[in-house]
Amino acid sequence: MADKDKKAPKKVRVAKKDFYKVVEGKLQRTKPHCPKCGPGVFMAEHPNRVACGKCGYTEFKKK
């Protein structure tokens, strides 16, 4: 019964508009896109890697 007492952490939802910024009247992507899936599929940034949530492609960051 202890499992019911625990609350799951709330998910943080990020809007697509946060993946772009306007520079000199043009849109610029703020996050990298997946090389396998193509433009429009952004990669999640983690402390040691960037990963695609759609296909699982991962690039590790160099130290």
N, C-alpha and C. Protein backbone atom coordinates (compact mmCIF):
# COMPACT_ATOMS: atom_id res chain seq x y z
N MET A 1 0.81 -1.20 0.00
CA MET A 1 0.00 0.00 0.00
C MET A 1 0.85 1.26 0.00
N ALA A 2 2.14 1.15 0.29
CA ALA A 2 3.01 2.32 0.35
C ALA A 2 3.21 2.93 -1.04
N ASP A 3 3.06 2.12 -2.10
CA ASP A 3 3.26 2.63 -3.46
C ASP A 3 2.21 3.67 -3.83
N LYS A 4 1.01 3.55 -3.30
CA LYS A 4 -0.05 4.50 -3.63
C LYS A 4 0.18 5.85 -2.97
N ASP A 5 0.93 5.87 -1.88
CA ASP A 5 1.18 7.12 -1.17
C ASP A 5 2.20 7.99 -1.90
N LYS A 6 3.07 7.37 -2.69
CA LYS A 6 4.09 8.14 -3.40
C LYS A 6 3.48 8.82 -4.61
N LYS A 7 3.90 10.05 -4.85
CA LYS A 7 3.42 10.79 -6.01
C LYS A 7 4.51 10.79 -7.08
N ALA A 8 4.09 10.59 -8.30
CA ALA A 8 5.03 10.63 -9.41
C ALA A 8 5.40 12.08 -9.71
N PRO A 9 6.65 12.33 -10.09
CA PRO A 9 7.02 13.72 -10.42
C PRO A 9 6.28 14.18 -11.67
N LYS A 10 5.95 15.46 -11.69
CA LYS A 10 5.23 16.00 -12.83
C LYS A 10 6.18 16.15 -14.01
N LYS A 11 5.69 15.86 -15.21
CA LYS A 11 6.50 16.00 -16.41
C LYS A 11 6.55 17.47 -16.82
N VAL A 12 7.70 17.90 -17.26
CA VAL A 12 7.86 19.26 -17.73
C VAL A 12 7.67 19.25 -19.23
N ARG A 13 6.65 19.93 -19.71
CA ARG A 13 6.37 19.97 -21.14
C ARG A 13 7.03 21.18 -21.75
N VAL A 14 7.68 20.98 -22.89
CA VAL A 14 8.38 22.06 -23.57
C VAL A 14 7.68 22.31 -24.90
N ALA A 15 7.40 23.57 -25.18
CA ALA A 15 6.73 23.94 -26.42
C ALA A 15 7.73 24.00 -27.57
N LYS A 16 7.28 23.70 -28.78
CA LYS A 16 8.14 23.76 -29.97
C LYS A 16 8.69 25.16 -30.20
N LYS A 17 7.95 26.17 -29.75
CA LYS A 17 8.40 27.55 -29.96
C LYS A 17 9.70 27.83 -29.20
N ASP A 18 9.99 27.05 -28.17
CA ASP A 18 11.22 27.24 -27.40
C ASP A 18 12.45 26.68 -28.12
N PHE A 19 12.26 25.95 -29.22
CA PHE A 19 13.38 25.38 -29.96
C PHE A 19 13.92 26.35 -31.01
N TYR A 20 13.29 27.51 -31.16
CA TYR A 20 13.69 28.51 -32.15
C TYR A 20 13.87 29.86 -31.47
N LYS A 21 14.69 30.72 -32.07
CA LYS A 21 14.76 32.12 -31.64
C LYS A 21 14.91 32.97 -32.89
N VAL A 22 14.50 34.23 -32.80
CA VAL A 22 14.54 35.14 -33.94
C VAL A 22 15.81 35.98 -33.83
N VAL A 23 16.64 35.91 -34.88
CA VAL A 23 17.87 36.69 -34.94
C VAL A 23 17.86 37.48 -36.24
N GLU A 24 17.86 38.79 -36.12
CA GLU A 24 17.85 39.69 -37.28
C GLU A 24 16.70 39.37 -38.24
N GLY A 25 15.55 39.06 -37.72
CA GLY A 25 14.37 38.80 -38.53
C GLY A 25 14.30 37.40 -39.12
N LYS A 26 15.23 36.51 -38.77
CA LYS A 26 15.23 35.15 -39.29
C LYS A 26 15.17 34.16 -38.13
N LEU A 27 14.55 33.00 -38.37
CA LEU A 27 14.49 31.97 -37.34
C LEU A 27 15.80 31.22 -37.27
N GLN A 28 16.22 30.92 -36.04
CA GLN A 28 17.43 30.14 -35.83
C GLN A 28 17.10 29.02 -34.86
N ARG A 29 17.56 27.81 -35.17
CA ARG A 29 17.33 26.66 -34.29
C ARG A 29 18.25 26.76 -33.08
N THR A 30 17.72 26.46 -31.89
CA THR A 30 18.53 26.51 -30.68
C THR A 30 19.04 25.13 -30.29
N LYS A 31 18.40 24.08 -30.79
CA LYS A 31 18.82 22.71 -30.47
C LYS A 31 19.21 22.01 -31.76
N PRO A 32 20.12 21.02 -31.67
CA PRO A 32 20.51 20.30 -32.89
C PRO A 32 19.39 19.38 -33.37
N HIS A 33 19.35 19.12 -34.67
CA HIS A 33 18.36 18.19 -35.20
C HIS A 33 19.04 16.84 -35.44
N CYS A 34 18.24 15.80 -35.53
CA CYS A 34 18.75 14.44 -35.70
C CYS A 34 19.24 14.23 -37.13
N PRO A 35 20.47 13.72 -37.32
CA PRO A 35 20.96 13.49 -38.68
C PRO A 35 20.25 12.33 -39.38
N LYS A 36 19.69 11.40 -38.63
CA LYS A 36 18.98 10.27 -39.25
C LYS A 36 17.54 10.65 -39.60
N CYS A 37 16.84 11.34 -38.70
CA CYS A 37 15.43 11.67 -38.91
C CYS A 37 15.25 12.92 -39.76
N GLY A 38 16.23 13.80 -39.77
CA GLY A 38 16.16 15.01 -40.59
C GLY A 38 15.68 16.21 -39.81
N PRO A 39 15.59 17.36 -40.50
CA PRO A 39 15.16 18.59 -39.84
C PRO A 39 13.74 18.46 -39.29
N GLY A 40 13.50 19.07 -38.16
CA GLY A 40 12.18 19.02 -37.54
C GLY A 40 12.11 18.05 -36.38
N VAL A 41 13.09 17.14 -36.29
CA VAL A 41 13.16 16.22 -35.15
C VAL A 41 14.37 16.65 -34.34
N PHE A 42 14.11 17.26 -33.20
CA PHE A 42 15.19 17.80 -32.39
C PHE A 42 15.73 16.76 -31.43
N MET A 43 16.98 16.95 -31.05
CA MET A 43 17.64 16.04 -30.13
C MET A 43 17.61 16.64 -28.72
N ALA A 44 17.43 15.79 -27.73
CA ALA A 44 17.41 16.22 -26.33
C ALA A 44 18.84 16.40 -25.85
N GLU A 45 19.08 17.46 -25.09
CA GLU A 45 20.41 17.72 -24.58
C GLU A 45 20.50 17.23 -23.14
N HIS A 46 21.47 16.36 -22.89
CA HIS A 46 21.76 15.83 -21.57
C HIS A 46 23.14 16.33 -21.16
N PRO A 47 23.54 16.16 -19.90
CA PRO A 47 24.85 16.66 -19.48
C PRO A 47 26.03 16.07 -20.26
N ASN A 48 25.94 14.80 -20.66
CA ASN A 48 27.07 14.16 -21.34
C ASN A 48 26.77 13.70 -22.76
N ARG A 49 25.57 13.99 -23.28
CA ARG A 49 25.21 13.51 -24.62
C ARG A 49 24.02 14.28 -25.17
N VAL A 50 23.79 14.12 -26.49
CA VAL A 50 22.56 14.58 -27.12
C VAL A 50 21.92 13.35 -27.74
N ALA A 51 20.61 13.20 -27.59
CA ALA A 51 19.95 11.98 -28.03
C ALA A 51 18.63 12.30 -28.73
N CYS A 52 18.30 11.49 -29.74
CA CYS A 52 17.04 11.62 -30.45
C CYS A 52 16.01 10.74 -29.75
N GLY A 53 14.86 11.30 -29.46
CA GLY A 53 13.81 10.54 -28.80
C GLY A 53 13.02 9.67 -29.75
N LYS A 54 13.14 9.94 -31.05
CA LYS A 54 12.37 9.20 -32.04
C LYS A 54 13.08 7.90 -32.46
N CYS A 55 14.36 8.02 -32.84
CA CYS A 55 15.06 6.83 -33.35
C CYS A 55 16.12 6.30 -32.39
N GLY A 56 16.48 7.08 -31.37
CA GLY A 56 17.45 6.62 -30.39
C GLY A 56 18.89 6.97 -30.72
N TYR A 57 19.13 7.71 -31.79
CA TYR A 57 20.49 8.11 -32.17
C TYR A 57 21.09 8.95 -31.04
N THR A 58 22.35 8.66 -30.67
CA THR A 58 23.01 9.36 -29.57
C THR A 58 24.40 9.80 -29.98
N GLU A 59 24.75 11.02 -29.63
CA GLU A 59 26.11 11.53 -29.79
C GLU A 59 26.61 11.92 -28.41
N PHE A 60 27.79 11.42 -28.04
CA PHE A 60 28.36 11.76 -26.75
C PHE A 60 29.19 13.01 -26.87
N LYS A 61 29.11 13.88 -25.85
CA LYS A 61 29.86 15.12 -25.84
C LYS A 61 31.30 14.82 -25.41
N LYS A 62 32.22 15.53 -26.02
CA LYS A 62 33.63 15.38 -25.66
C LYS A 62 33.92 16.22 -24.44
N LYS A 63 34.80 15.73 -23.59
CA LYS A 63 35.14 16.46 -22.36
C LYS A 63 36.16 17.53 -22.62
